[in-house]
PDB file of N, CA and C in Angstrom:
ATOM      1  N   MET A   1       0.837  -1.188   0.000  1.00  0.00           N
ATOM      2  CA  MET A   1       0.000   0.000   0.000  1.00  0.00           C
ATOM      3  C   MET A   1       0.882   1.251   0.000  1.00  0.00           C
ATOM      4  N   ALA A   2       0.398   2.253  -0.670  1.00  0.00           N
ATOM      5  CA  ALA A   2       1.149   3.496  -0.768  1.00  0.00           C
ATOM      6  C   ALA A   2       1.068   4.275   0.544  1.00  0.00           C
ATOM      7  N   GLY A   3       2.121   5.052   0.784  1.00  0.00           N
ATOM      8  CA  GLY A   3       2.145   5.898   1.970  1.00  0.00           C
ATOM      9  C   GLY A   3       1.252   7.114   1.804  1.00  0.00           C
ATOM     10  N   CYS A   4       1.051   7.817   2.880  1.00  0.00           N
ATOM     11  CA  CYS A   4       0.218   9.017   2.903  1.00  0.00           C
ATOM     12  C   CYS A   4       0.816  10.102   2.006  1.00  0.00           C
ATOM     13  N   ASP A   5      -0.043  10.945   1.483  1.00  0.00           N
ATOM     14  CA  ASP A   5       0.391  12.062   0.632  1.00  0.00           C
ATOM     15  C   ASP A   5       1.385  12.973   1.336  1.00  0.00           C
ATOM     16  N   CYS A   6       1.323  13.042   2.670  1.00  0.00           N
ATOM     17  CA  CYS A   6       2.150  13.987   3.426  1.00  0.00           C
ATOM     18  C   CYS A   6       3.611  13.565   3.529  1.00  0.00           C
ATOM     19  N   GLY A   7       3.932  12.336   3.127  1.00  0.00           N
ATOM     20  CA  GLY A   7       5.325  11.915   3.072  1.00  0.00           C
ATOM     21  C   GLY A   7       5.865  11.180   4.282  1.00  0.00           C
ATOM     22  N   THR A   8       5.032  10.817   5.250  1.00  0.00           N
ATOM     23  CA  THR A   8       5.528  10.108   6.432  1.00  0.00           C
ATOM     24  C   THR A   8       5.875   8.656   6.156  1.00  0.00           C
ATOM     25  N   GLY A   9       5.312   8.090   5.093  1.00  0.00           N
ATOM     26  CA  GLY A   9       5.509   6.678   4.813  1.00  0.00           C
ATOM     27  C   GLY A   9       4.452   5.791   5.451  1.00  0.00           C
ATOM     28  N   VAL A  10       3.620   6.371   6.311  1.00  0.00           N
ATOM     29  CA  VAL A  10       2.515   5.643   6.947  1.00  0.00           C
ATOM     30  C   VAL A  10       1.329   5.662   5.984  1.00  0.00           C
ATOM     31  N   ARG A  11       0.541   4.599   5.973  1.00  0.00           N
ATOM     32  CA  ARG A  11      -0.633   4.553   5.099  1.00  0.00           C
ATOM     33  C   ARG A  11      -1.578   5.705   5.428  1.00  0.00           C
ATOM     34  N   TYR A  12      -2.232   6.240   4.405  1.00  0.00           N
ATOM     35  CA  TYR A  12      -3.141   7.382   4.575  1.00  0.00           C
ATOM     36  C   TYR A  12      -4.174   7.120   5.666  1.00  0.00           C
ATOM     37  N   ARG A  13      -4.758   5.962   5.674  1.00  0.00           N
ATOM     38  CA  ARG A  13      -5.820   5.646   6.632  1.00  0.00           C
ATOM     39  C   ARG A  13      -5.356   5.834   8.077  1.00  0.00           C
ATOM     40  N   GLU A  14      -4.117   5.456   8.376  1.00  0.00           N
ATOM     41  CA  GLU A  14      -3.574   5.568   9.732  1.00  0.00           C
ATOM     42  C   GLU A  14      -2.878   6.902   9.972  1.00  0.00           C
ATOM     43  N   CYS A  15      -2.653   7.659   8.938  1.00  0.00           N
ATOM     44  CA  CYS A  15      -1.925   8.934   9.060  1.00  0.00           C
ATOM     45  C   CYS A  15      -2.933  10.086   8.978  1.00  0.00           C
ATOM     46  N   CYS A  16      -2.911  10.830   7.923  1.00  0.00           N
ATOM     47  CA  CYS A  16      -3.783  12.005   7.786  1.00  0.00           C
ATOM     48  C   CYS A  16      -5.257  11.638   7.671  1.00  0.00           C
ATOM     49  N   GLY A  17      -5.556  10.460   7.220  1.00  0.00           N
ATOM     50  CA  GLY A  17      -6.943  10.039   7.109  1.00  0.00           C
ATOM     51  C   GLY A  17      -7.677  10.106   8.439  1.00  0.00           C
ATOM     52  N   ARG A  18      -6.997   9.791   9.536  1.00  0.00           N
ATOM     53  CA  ARG A  18      -7.616   9.863  10.877  1.00  0.00           C
ATOM     54  C   ARG A  18      -8.066  11.282  11.179  1.00  0.00           C
ATOM     55  N   LEU A  19      -7.234  12.260  10.813  1.00  0.00           N
ATOM     56  CA  LEU A  19      -7.570  13.661  11.060  1.00  0.00           C
ATOM     57  C   LEU A  19      -8.673  14.119  10.117  1.00  0.00           C
ATOM     58  N   HIS A  20      -8.583  13.741   8.857  1.00  0.00           N
ATOM     59  CA  HIS A  20      -9.593  14.137   7.882  1.00  0.00           C
ATOM     60  C   HIS A  20     -10.970  13.595   8.254  1.00  0.00           C
ATOM     61  N   ARG A  21     -11.007  12.391   8.812  1.00  0.00           N
ATOM     62  CA  ARG A  21     -12.280  11.775   9.208  1.00  0.00           C
ATOM     63  C   ARG A  21     -12.764  12.262  10.574  1.00  0.00           C
ATOM     64  N   GLY A  22     -11.951  13.059  11.282  1.00  0.00           N
ATOM     65  CA  GLY A  22     -12.327  13.573  12.593  1.00  0.00           C
ATOM     66  C   GLY A  22     -12.127  12.586  13.722  1.00  0.00           C
ATOM     67  N   GLU A  23     -11.358  11.517  13.484  1.00  0.00           N
ATOM     68  CA  GLU A  23     -11.108  10.500  14.505  1.00  0.00           C
ATOM     69  C   GLU A  23      -9.958  10.874  15.432  1.00  0.00           C
ATOM     70  N   ALA A  24      -9.162  11.859  15.042  1.00  0.00           N
ATOM     71  CA  ALA A  24      -8.006  12.291  15.834  1.00  0.00           C
ATOM     72  C   ALA A  24      -7.781  13.770  15.572  1.00  0.00           C
ATOM     73  N   ARG A  25      -6.997  14.393  16.447  1.00  0.00           N
ATOM     74  CA  ARG A  25      -6.611  15.788  16.287  1.00  0.00           C
ATOM     75  C   ARG A  25      -5.097  15.850  16.145  1.00  0.00           C
ATOM     76  N   ALA A  26      -4.631  16.852  15.428  1.00  0.00           N
ATOM     77  CA  ALA A  26      -3.189  17.045  15.266  1.00  0.00           C
ATOM     78  C   ALA A  26      -2.561  17.363  16.613  1.00  0.00           C
ATOM     79  N   GLY A  27      -1.464  16.680  16.940  1.00  0.00           N
ATOM     80  CA  GLY A  27      -0.767  16.920  18.192  1.00  0.00           C
ATOM     81  C   GLY A  27       0.279  18.006  18.105  1.00  0.00           C
ATOM     82  N   THR A  28       0.681  18.352  16.883  1.00  0.00           N
ATOM     83  CA  THR A  28       1.696  19.382  16.666  1.00  0.00           C
ATOM     84  C   THR A  28       1.311  20.223  15.454  1.00  0.00           C
ATOM     85  N   ALA A  29       1.942  21.374  15.328  1.00  0.00           N
ATOM     86  CA  ALA A  29       1.725  22.226  14.160  1.00  0.00           C
ATOM     87  C   ALA A  29       2.186  21.511  12.890  1.00  0.00           C
ATOM     88  N   GLU A  30       3.297  20.778  12.973  1.00  0.00           N
ATOM     89  CA  GLU A  30       3.777  20.059  11.788  1.00  0.00           C
ATOM     90  C   GLU A  30       2.786  18.986  11.360  1.00  0.00           C
ATOM     91  N   GLU A  31       2.206  18.283  12.312  1.00  0.00           N
ATOM     92  CA  GLU A  31       1.222  17.262  11.959  1.00  0.00           C
ATOM     93  C   GLU A  31       0.018  17.906  11.267  1.00  0.00           C
ATOM     94  N   LEU A  32      -0.408  19.064  11.752  1.00  0.00           N
ATOM     95  CA  LEU A  32      -1.512  19.753  11.086  1.00  0.00           C
ATOM     96  C   LEU A  32      -1.089  20.188   9.685  1.00  0.00           C
ATOM     97  N   MET A  33       0.131  20.708   9.539  1.00  0.00           N
ATOM     98  CA  MET A  33       0.622  21.114   8.221  1.00  0.00           C
ATOM     99  C   MET A  33       0.589  19.937   7.259  1.00  0.00           C
ATOM    100  N   ARG A  34       1.076  18.798   7.717  1.00  0.00           N
ATOM    101  CA  ARG A  34       1.083  17.598   6.872  1.00  0.00           C
ATOM    102  C   ARG A  34      -0.340  17.194   6.482  1.00  0.00           C
ATOM    103  N   SER A  35      -1.265  17.263   7.439  1.00  0.00           N
ATOM    104  CA  SER A  35      -2.643  16.870   7.143  1.00  0.00           C
ATOM    105  C   SER A  35      -3.297  17.844   6.169  1.00  0.00           C
ATOM    106  N   ARG A  36      -2.930  19.110   6.247  1.00  0.00           N
ATOM    107  CA  ARG A  36      -3.479  20.093   5.310  1.00  0.00           C
ATOM    108  C   ARG A  36      -2.913  19.872   3.905  1.00  0.00           C
ATOM    109  N   PHE A  37      -1.621  19.554   3.805  1.00  0.00           N
ATOM    110  CA  PHE A  37      -1.064  19.231   2.491  1.00  0.00           C
ATOM    111  C   PHE A  37      -1.813  18.043   1.896  1.00  0.00           C
ATOM    112  N   SER A  38      -1.998  17.015   2.705  1.00  0.00           N
ATOM    113  CA  SER A  38      -2.714  15.830   2.243  1.00  0.00           C
ATOM    114  C   SER A  38      -4.137  16.180   1.820  1.00  0.00           C
ATOM    115  N   ALA A  39      -4.783  17.087   2.552  1.00  0.00           N
ATOM    116  CA  ALA A  39      -6.139  17.519   2.184  1.00  0.00           C
ATOM    117  C   ALA A  39      -6.128  18.262   0.850  1.00  0.00           C
ATOM    118  N   PHE A  40      -5.111  19.084   0.598  1.00  0.00           N
ATOM    119  CA  PHE A  40      -4.999  19.728  -0.710  1.00  0.00           C
ATOM    120  C   PHE A  40      -4.802  18.674  -1.792  1.00  0.00           C
ATOM    121  N   ALA A  41      -3.934  17.712  -1.537  1.00  0.00           N
ATOM    122  CA  ALA A  41      -3.664  16.659  -2.526  1.00  0.00           C
ATOM    123  C   ALA A  41      -4.926  15.852  -2.833  1.00  0.00           C
ATOM    124  N   ARG A  42      -5.782  15.663  -1.841  1.00  0.00           N
ATOM    125  CA  ARG A  42      -7.014  14.878  -2.006  1.00  0.00           C
ATOM    126  C   ARG A  42      -8.233  15.755  -2.269  1.00  0.00           C
ATOM    127  N   ARG A  43      -7.992  17.058  -2.349  1.00  0.00           N
ATOM    128  CA  ARG A  43      -9.042  18.027  -2.653  1.00  0.00           C
ATOM    129  C   ARG A  43     -10.180  17.992  -1.631  1.00  0.00           C
ATOM    130  N   ASP A  44      -9.794  17.967  -0.356  1.00  0.00           N
ATOM    131  CA  ASP A  44     -10.744  17.899   0.759  1.00  0.00           C
ATOM    132  C   ASP A  44     -10.981  19.301   1.320  1.00  0.00           C
ATOM    133  N   GLU A  45     -11.855  20.051   0.658  1.00  0.00           N
ATOM    134  CA  GLU A  45     -12.124  21.438   1.054  1.00  0.00           C
ATOM    135  C   GLU A  45     -12.688  21.520   2.470  1.00  0.00           C
ATOM    136  N   ALA A  46     -13.542  20.591   2.848  1.00  0.00           N
ATOM    137  CA  ALA A  46     -14.166  20.644   4.183  1.00  0.00           C
ATOM    138  C   ALA A  46     -13.112  20.589   5.283  1.00  0.00           C
ATOM    139  N   TYR A  47     -12.126  19.699   5.145  1.00  0.00           N
ATOM    140  CA  TYR A  47     -11.085  19.611   6.174  1.00  0.00           C
ATOM    141  C   TYR A  47     -10.237  20.874   6.202  1.00  0.00           C
ATOM    142  N   LEU A  48      -9.913  21.392   5.033  1.00  0.00           N
ATOM    143  CA  LEU A  48      -9.104  22.614   4.982  1.00  0.00           C
ATOM    144  C   LEU A  48      -9.809  23.748   5.713  1.00  0.00           C
ATOM    145  N   LEU A  49     -11.089  23.894   5.508  1.00  0.00           N
ATOM    146  CA  LEU A  49     -11.831  24.950   6.183  1.00  0.00           C
ATOM    147  C   LEU A  49     -11.923  24.695   7.688  1.00  0.00           C
ATOM    148  N   ARG A  50     -12.141  23.449   8.099  1.00  0.00           N
ATOM    149  CA  ARG A  50     -12.215  23.124   9.531  1.00  0.00           C
ATOM    150  C   ARG A  50     -10.905  23.383  10.253  1.00  0.00           C
ATOM    151  N   SER A  51      -9.793  23.226   9.553  1.00  0.00           N
ATOM    152  CA  SER A  51      -8.477  23.359  10.185  1.00  0.00           C
ATOM    153  C   SER A  51      -7.895  24.769  10.032  1.00  0.00           C
ATOM    154  N   TRP A  52      -8.698  25.715   9.611  1.00  0.00           N
ATOM    155  CA  TRP A  52      -8.288  27.105   9.394  1.00  0.00           C
ATOM    156  C   TRP A  52      -8.840  27.956  10.529  1.00  0.00           C
ATOM    157  N   HIS A  53      -8.048  28.869  11.067  1.00  0.00           N
ATOM    158  CA  HIS A  53      -8.501  29.747  12.145  1.00  0.00           C
ATOM    159  C   HIS A  53      -9.701  30.566  11.661  1.00  0.00           C
ATOM    160  N   PRO A  54     -10.767  30.670  12.470  1.00  0.00           N
ATOM    161  CA  PRO A  54     -11.956  31.394  12.018  1.00  0.00           C
ATOM    162  C   PRO A  54     -11.704  32.857  11.668  1.00  0.00           C
ATOM    163  N   ALA A  55     -10.700  33.489  12.253  1.00  0.00           N
ATOM    164  CA  ALA A  55     -10.417  34.904  11.965  1.00  0.00           C
ATOM    165  C   ALA A  55      -9.813  35.113  10.581  1.00  0.00           C
ATOM    166  N   THR A  56      -9.180  34.085  10.018  1.00  0.00           N
ATOM    167  CA  THR A  56      -8.521  34.232   8.719  1.00  0.00           C
ATOM    168  C   THR A  56      -9.087  33.279   7.661  1.00  0.00           C
ATOM    169  N   ARG A  57     -10.039  32.462   8.026  1.00  0.00           N
ATOM    170  CA  ARG A  57     -10.598  31.444   7.123  1.00  0.00           C
ATOM    171  C   ARG A  57     -11.450  32.087   6.026  1.00  0.00           C
ATOM    172  N   PRO A  58     -11.205  31.702   4.777  1.00  0.00           N
ATOM    173  CA  PRO A  58     -12.059  32.181   3.684  1.00  0.00           C
ATOM    174  C   PRO A  58     -13.390  31.419   3.683  1.00  0.00           C
ATOM    175  N   GLU A  59     -14.326  31.884   2.899  1.00  0.00           N
ATOM    176  CA  GLU A  59     -15.603  31.178   2.796  1.00  0.00           C
ATOM    177  C   GLU A  59     -15.453  29.864   2.046  1.00  0.00           C
ATOM    178  N   ARG A  60     -14.570  29.847   1.064  1.00  0.00           N
ATOM    179  CA  ARG A  60     -14.354  28.659   0.239  1.00  0.00           C
ATOM    180  C   ARG A  60     -12.876  28.495  -0.051  1.00  0.00           C
ATOM    181  N   VAL A  61     -12.489  27.274  -0.355  1.00  0.00           N
ATOM    182  CA  VAL A  61     -11.155  26.981  -0.853  1.00  0.00           C
ATOM    183  C   VAL A  61     -11.363  26.229  -2.160  1.00  0.00           C
ATOM    184  N   ASP A  62     -10.961  26.822  -3.273  1.00  0.00           N
ATOM    185  CA  ASP A  62     -11.175  26.186  -4.576  1.00  0.00           C
ATOM    186  C   ASP A  62     -10.060  25.187  -4.837  1.00  0.00           C
ATOM    187  N   VAL A  63     -10.259  23.966  -4.386  1.00  0.00           N
ATOM    188  CA  VAL A  63      -9.224  22.944  -4.542  1.00  0.00           C
ATOM    189  C   VAL A  63      -9.331  22.212  -5.871  1.00  0.00           C
ATOM    190  N   GLY A  64     -10.455  22.367  -6.573  1.00  0.00           N
ATOM    191  CA  GLY A  64     -10.652  21.645  -7.822  1.00  0.00           C
ATOM    192  C   GLY A  64      -9.858  22.191  -8.993  1.00  0.00           C
ATOM    193  N   ALA A  65      -9.601  23.492  -8.987  1.00  0.00           N
ATOM    194  CA  ALA A  65      -8.957  24.120 -10.134  1.00  0.00           C
ATOM    195  C   ALA A  65      -7.443  24.207  -9.998  1.00  0.00           C
ATOM    196  N   GLY A  66      -6.907  23.847  -8.861  1.00  0.00           N
ATOM    197  CA  GLY A  66      -5.482  24.024  -8.614  1.00  0.00           C
ATOM    198  C   GLY A  66      -4.617  22.921  -9.192  1.00  0.00           C
ATOM    199  N   PRO A  67      -3.333  23.020  -8.930  1.00  0.00           N
ATOM    200  CA  PRO A  67      -2.401  21.996  -9.406  1.00  0.00           C
ATOM    201  C   PRO A  67      -2.561  20.690  -8.624  1.00  0.00           C
ATOM    202  N   ARG A  68      -1.887  19.672  -9.076  1.00  0.00           N
ATOM    203  CA  ARG A  68      -1.860  18.387  -8.366  1.00  0.00           C
ATOM    204  C   ARG A  68      -0.644  18.421  -7.439  1.00  0.00           C
ATOM    205  N   TRP A  69      -0.902  18.337  -6.130  1.00  0.00           N
ATOM    206  CA  TRP A  69       0.172  18.403  -5.135  1.00  0.00           C
ATOM    207  C   TRP A  69       0.783  17.014  -5.008  1.00  0.00           C
ATOM    208  N   VAL A  70       2.102  16.919  -5.203  1.00  0.00           N
ATOM    209  CA  VAL A  70       2.732  15.604  -5.307  1.00  0.00           C
ATOM    210  C   VAL A  70       3.721  15.268  -4.193  1.00  0.00           C
ATOM    211  N   ARG A  71       4.269  16.272  -3.519  1.00  0.00           N
ATOM    212  CA  ARG A  71       5.258  15.953  -2.477  1.00  0.00           C
ATOM    213  C   ARG A  71       5.416  17.126  -1.526  1.00  0.00           C
ATOM    214  N   LEU A  72       5.540  16.795  -0.238  1.00  0.00           N
ATOM    215  CA  LEU A  72       5.749  17.800   0.793  1.00  0.00           C
ATOM    216  C   LEU A  72       7.137  17.626   1.389  1.00  0.00           C
ATOM    217  N   GLU A  73       7.821  18.737   1.545  1.00  0.00           N
ATOM    218  CA  GLU A  73       9.152  18.749   2.161  1.00  0.00           C
ATOM    219  C   GLU A  73       9.118  19.752   3.313  1.00  0.00           C
ATOM    220  N   ILE A  74       9.279  19.280   4.532  1.00  0.00           N
ATOM    221  CA  ILE A  74       9.333  20.168   5.692  1.00  0.00           C
ATOM    222  C   ILE A  74      10.765  20.695   5.800  1.00  0.00           C
ATOM    223  N   VAL A  75      10.926  22.007   5.772  1.00  0.00           N
ATOM    224  CA  VAL A  75      12.244  22.637   5.843  1.00  0.00           C
ATOM    225  C   VAL A  75      12.653  22.820   7.305  1.00  0.00           C
ATOM    226  N   ARG A  76      11.737  23.374   8.105  1.00  0.00           N
ATOM    227  CA  ARG A  76      12.028  23.573   9.530  1.00  0.00           C
ATOM    228  C   ARG A  76      10.724  23.841  10.270  1.00  0.00           C
ATOM    229  N   THR A  77      10.779  23.604  11.551  1.00  0.00           N
ATOM    230  CA  THR A  77       9.671  23.964  12.435  1.00  0.00           C
ATOM    231  C   THR A  77      10.226  24.789  13.581  1.00  0.00           C
ATOM    232  N   GLU A  78       9.405  25.689  14.065  1.00  0.00           N
ATOM    233  CA  GLU A  78       9.765  26.503  15.224  1.00  0.00           C
ATOM    234  C   GLU A  78       8.594  26.422  16.193  1.00  0.00           C
ATOM    235  N   ARG A  79       8.888  25.870  17.380  1.00  0.00           N
ATOM    236  CA  ARG A  79       7.841  25.614  18.363  1.00  0.00           C
ATOM    237  C   ARG A  79       6.763  24.750  17.727  1.00  0.00           C
ATOM    238  N   GLY A  80       5.526  24.875  18.185  1.00  0.00           N
ATOM    239  CA  GLY A  80       4.453  24.088  17.596  1.00  0.00           C
ATOM    240  C   GLY A  80       4.353  22.674  18.130  1.00  0.00           C
ATOM    241  N   GLY A  81       5.004  22.406  19.261  1.00  0.00           N
ATOM    242  CA  GLY A  81       4.968  21.071  19.847  1.00  0.00           C
ATOM    243  C   GLY A  81       3.752  20.858  20.726  1.00  0.00           C
ATOM    244  N   PRO A  82       3.649  19.690  21.331  1.00  0.00           N
ATOM    245  CA  PRO A  82       2.484  19.367  22.168  1.00  0.00           C
ATOM    246  C   PRO A  82       2.244  20.349  23.315  1.00  0.00           C
ATOM    247  N   GLY A  83       3.271  20.982  23.846  1.00  0.00           N
ATOM    248  CA  GLY A  83       3.097  21.914  24.952  1.00  0.00           C
ATOM    249  C   GLY A  83       3.033  23.373  24.541  1.00  0.00           C
ATOM    250  N   ASP A  84       3.066  23.650  23.251  1.00  0.00           N
ATOM    251  CA  ASP A  84       3.073  25.033  22.750  1.00  0.00           C
ATOM    252  C   ASP A  84       1.676  25.489  22.350  1.00  0.00           C
ATOM    253  N   ASP A  85       1.506  26.807  22.259  1.00  0.00           N
ATOM    254  CA  ASP A  85       0.255  27.390  21.770  1.00  0.00           C
ATOM    255  C   ASP A  85       0.416  28.033  20.396  1.00  0.00           C
ATOM    256  N   LYS A  86       1.668  28.201  19.962  1.00  0.00           N
ATOM    257  CA  LYS A  86       1.965  28.789  18.654  1.00  0.00           C
ATOM    258  C   LYS A  86       3.073  27.984  18.003  1.00  0.00           C
ATOM    259  N   GLY A  87       3.104  28.029  16.693  1.00  0.00           N
ATOM    260  CA  GLY A  87       4.169  27.339  15.975  1.00  0.00           C
ATOM    261  C   GLY A  87       4.269  27.831  14.549  1.00  0.00           C
ATOM    262  N   THR A  88       5.436  27.593  13.968  1.00  0.00           N
ATOM    263  CA  THR A  88       5.713  27.968  12.590  1.00  0.00           C
ATOM    264  C   THR A  88       6.279  26.756  11.870  1.00  0.00           C
ATOM    265  N   VAL A  89       5.821  26.538  10.644  1.00  0.00           N
ATOM    266  CA  VAL A  89       6.343  25.454   9.823  1.00  0.00           C
ATOM    267  C   VAL A  89       6.738  26.039   8.472  1.00  0.00           C
ATOM    268  N   GLU A  90       8.000  25.858   8.107  1.00  0.00           N
ATOM    269  CA  GLU A  90       8.464  26.246   6.775  1.00  0.00           C
ATOM    270  C   GLU A  90       8.487  24.981   5.937  1.00  0.00           C
ATOM    271  N   PHE A  91       7.934  25.067   4.736  1.00  0.00           N
ATOM    272  CA  PHE A  91       7.827  23.869   3.893  1.00  0.00           C
ATOM    273  C   PHE A  91       7.961  24.219   2.418  1.00  0.00           C
ATOM    274  N   ARG A  92       8.172  23.192   1.629  1.00  0.00           N
ATOM    275  CA  ARG A  92       8.114  23.270   0.167  1.00  0.00           C
ATOM    276  C   ARG A  92       7.086  22.230  -0.276  1.00  0.00           C
ATOM    277  N   ALA A  93       6.051  22.708  -0.943  1.00  0.00           N
ATOM    278  CA  ALA A  93       5.019  21.824  -1.476  1.00  0.00           C
ATOM    279  C   ALA A  93       5.228  21.741  -2.985  1.00  0.00           C
ATOM    280  N   HIS A  94       5.536  20.570  -3.463  1.00  0.00           N
ATOM    281  CA  HIS A  94       5.830  20.362  -4.883  1.00  0.00           C
ATOM    282  C   HIS A  94       4.552  19.994  -5.627  1.00  0.00           C
ATOM    283  N   TYR A  95       4.402  20.562  -6.820  1.00  0.00           N
ATOM    284  CA  TYR A  95       3.176  20.342  -7.576  1.00  0.00           C
ATOM    285  C   TYR A  95       3.466  20.060  -9.043  1.00  0.00           C
ATOM    286  N   ALA A  96       2.419  19.561  -9.716  1.00  0.00           N
ATOM    287  CA  ALA A  96       2.437  19.358 -11.158  1.00  0.00           C
ATOM    288  C   ALA A  96       1.162  19.993 -11.701  1.00  0.00           C
ATOM    289  N   ALA A  97       1.314  20.746 -12.766  1.00  0.00           N
ATOM    290  CA  ALA A  97       0.185  21.363 -13.446  1.00  0.00           C
ATOM    291  C   ALA A  97       0.402  21.164 -14.937  1.00  0.00           C
ATOM    292  N   GLY A  98      -0.231  20.144 -15.487  1.00  0.00           N
ATOM    293  CA  GLY A  98       0.044  19.790 -16.875  1.00  0.00           C
ATOM    294  C   GLY A  98       1.483  19.327 -16.994  1.00  0.00           C
ATOM    295  N   ASN A  99       2.234  19.923 -17.910  1.00  0.00           N
ATOM    296  CA  ASN A  99       3.650  19.584 -18.070  1.00  0.00           C
ATOM    297  C   ASN A  99       4.554  20.383 -17.157  1.00  0.00           C
ATOM    298  N   GLU A 100       3.984  21.347 -16.450  1.00  0.00           N
ATOM    299  CA  GLU A 100       4.764  22.220 -15.571  1.00  0.00           C
ATOM    300  C   GLU A 100       4.951  21.568 -14.203  1.00  0.00           C
ATOM    301  N   ARG A 101       6.155  21.705 -13.657  1.00  0.00           N
ATOM    302  CA  ARG A 101       6.466  21.256 -12.306  1.00  0.00           C
ATOM    303  C   ARG A 101       6.974  22.461 -11.533  1.00  0.00           C
ATOM    304  N   GLY A 102       6.633  22.532 -10.256  1.00  0.00           N
ATOM    305  CA  GLY A 102       7.085  23.671  -9.469  1.00  0.00           C
ATOM    306  C   GLY A 102       6.928  23.390  -7.996  1.00  0.00           C
ATOM    307  N   GLU A 103       7.148  24.432  -7.219  1.00  0.00           N
ATOM    308  CA  GLU A 103       7.005  24.294  -5.775  1.00  0.00           C
ATOM    309  C   GLU A 103       6.507  25.597  -5.178  1.00  0.00           C
ATOM    310  N   LEU A 104       5.792  25.444  -4.090  1.00  0.00           N
ATOM    311  CA  LEU A 104       5.380  26.566  -3.262  1.00  0.00           C
ATOM    312  C   LEU A 104       6.240  26.495  -2.015  1.00  0.00           C
ATOM    313  N   HIS A 105       7.019  27.536  -1.768  1.00  0.00           N
ATOM    314  CA  HIS A 105       7.867  27.612  -0.578  1.00  0.00           C
ATOM    315  C   HIS A 105       7.196  28.617   0.343  1.00  0.00           C
ATOM    316  N   GLU A 106       6.796  28.163   1.534  1.00  0.00           N
ATOM    317  CA  GLU A 106       6.005  29.011   2.415  1.00  0.00           C
ATOM    318  C   GLU A 106       6.414  28.814   3.865  1.00  0.00           C
ATOM    319  N   VAL A 107       6.224  29.862   4.633  1.00  0.00           N
ATOM    320  CA  VAL A 107       6.346  29.796   6.091  1.00  0.00           C
ATOM    321  C   VAL A 107       4.936  30.026   6.622  1.00  0.00           C
ATOM    322  N   SER A 108       4.402  29.034   7.331  1.00  0.00           N
ATOM    323  CA  SER A 108       3.025  29.088   7.815  1.00  0.00           C
ATOM    324  C   SER A 108       2.985  29.206   9.331  1.00  0.00           C
ATOM    325  N   ARG A 109       2.013  29.982   9.802  1.00  0.00           N
ATOM    326  CA  ARG A 109       1.805  30.172  11.242  1.00  0.00           C
ATOM    327  C   ARG A 109       0.596  29.363  11.695  1.00  0.00           C
ATOM    328  N   PHE A 110       0.736  28.750  12.867  1.00  0.00           N
ATOM    329  CA  PHE A 110      -0.313  27.937  13.463  1.00  0.00           C
ATOM    330  C   PHE A 110      -0.481  28.345  14.916  1.00  0.00           C
ATOM    331  N   VAL A 111      -1.699  28.241  15.421  1.00  0.00           N
ATOM    332  CA  VAL A 111      -1.982  28.495  16.833  1.00  0.00           C
ATOM    333  C   VAL A 111      -2.981  27.441  17.310  1.00  0.00           C
ATOM    334  N   ARG A 112      -3.066  27.337  18.626  1.00  0.00           N
ATOM    335  CA  ARG A 112      -4.133  26.508  19.192  1.00  0.00           C
ATOM    336  C   ARG A 112      -5.367  27.393  19.365  1.00  0.00           C
ATOM    337  N   HIS A 113      -6.480  26.891  18.914  1.00  0.00           N
ATOM    338  CA  HIS A 113      -7.765  27.581  19.039  1.00  0.00           C
ATOM    339  C   HIS A 113      -8.756  26.578  19.604  1.00  0.00           C
ATOM    340  N   ASP A 114      -9.319  26.889  20.757  1.00  0.00           N
ATOM    341  CA  ASP A 114     -10.220  25.951  21.441  1.00  0.00           C
ATOM    342  C   ASP A 114      -9.553  24.586  21.613  1.00  0.00           C
ATOM    343  N   GLY A 115      -8.250  24.600  21.908  1.00  0.00           N
ATOM    344  CA  GLY A 115      -7.518  23.375  22.190  1.00  0.00           C
ATOM    345  C   GLY A 115      -7.000  22.616  20.984  1.00  0.00           C
ATOM    346  N   GLU A 116      -7.278  23.092  19.777  1.00  0.00           N
ATOM    347  CA  GLU A 116      -6.839  22.387  18.566  1.00  0.00           C
ATOM    348  C   GLU A 116      -5.912  23.270  17.736  1.00  0.00           C
ATOM    349  N   TRP A 117      -4.933  22.625  17.095  1.00  0.00           N
ATOM    350  CA  TRP A 117      -4.064  23.362  16.181  1.00  0.00           C
ATOM    351  C   TRP A 117      -4.878  23.787  14.972  1.00  0.00           C
ATOM    352  N   VAL A 118      -4.699  25.045  14.553  1.00  0.00           N
ATOM    353  CA  VAL A 118      -5.331  25.563  13.343  1.00  0.00           C
ATOM    354  C   VAL A 118      -4.311  26.408  12.577  1.00  0.00           C
ATOM    355  N   TYR A 119      -4.516  26.477  11.283  1.00  0.00           N
ATOM    356  CA  TYR A 119      -3.691  27.292  10.397  1.00  0.00           C
ATOM    357  C   TYR A 119      -4.162  28.741  10.493  1.00  0.00           C
ATOM    358  N   VAL A 120      -3.211  29.681  10.603  1.00  0.00           N
ATOM    359  CA  VAL A 120      -3.557  31.103  10.654  1.00  0.00           C
ATOM    360  C   VAL A 120      -3.313  31.748   9.293  1.00  0.00           C
ATOM    361  N   ARG A 121      -2.065  31.714   8.849  1.00  0.00           N
ATOM    362  CA  ARG A 121      -1.721  32.291   7.544  1.00  0.00           C
ATOM    363  C   ARG A 121      -0.321  31.866   7.154  1.00  0.00           C
ATOM    364  N   GLY A 122      -0.011  32.058   5.893  1.00  0.00           N
ATOM    365  CA  GLY A 122       1.309  31.729   5.397  1.00  0.00           C
ATOM    366  C   GLY A 122       1.892  32.856   4.603  1.00  0.00           C
ATOM    367  N   LYS A 123       3.212  32.847   4.497  1.00  0.00           N
ATOM    368  CA  LYS A 123       3.909  33.842   3.702  1.00  0.00           C
ATOM    369  C   LYS A 123       4.819  33.098   2.733  1.00  0.00           C
ATOM    370  N   ALA A 124       4.607  33.344   1.453  1.00  0.00           N
ATOM    371  CA  ALA A 124       5.410  32.680   0.413  1.00  0.00           C
ATOM    372  C   ALA A 124       6.841  33.187   0.463  1.00  0.00           C
ATOM    373  N   ARG A 125       7.759  32.291   0.152  1.00  0.00           N
ATOM    374  CA  ARG A 125       9.191  32.629   0.073  1.00  0.00           C
ATOM    375  C   ARG A 125       9.664  32.392  -1.341  1.00  0.00           C
ATOM    376  N   GLU A 126      10.709  33.089  -1.696  1.00  0.00           N
ATOM    377  CA  GLU A 126      11.331  32.885  -3.016  1.00  0.00           C
ATOM    378  C   GLU A 126      12.272  31.720  -2.973  1.00  0.00           C
TER     379      GLU A 126
END
């Protein structure tokens, strides 16, 4: 069986699938980042919206028209552990769009909201 889209090597069902189905919560900011990448790869708009901070969450996420997300590379994390309330994850999300290949390099901020990790916002890097 193939590993999860997020790159852990664990099967999707036991990895990000647990979070997407609401059976588990992310224990760290990085785990939430990985689950959000997997949700983009699987075009799971509902999970993306649920895992977004209500103050910055858009009404919709158009996941159908975007590129195909193929690989996640975590560059670094700052805080965001089980005992933290804030965290930062820098990552490179690799995509394919037709014959084009590229990457999104971003630094994303996460906070705990009502006891759960949520995405606040990201800043693209060159």
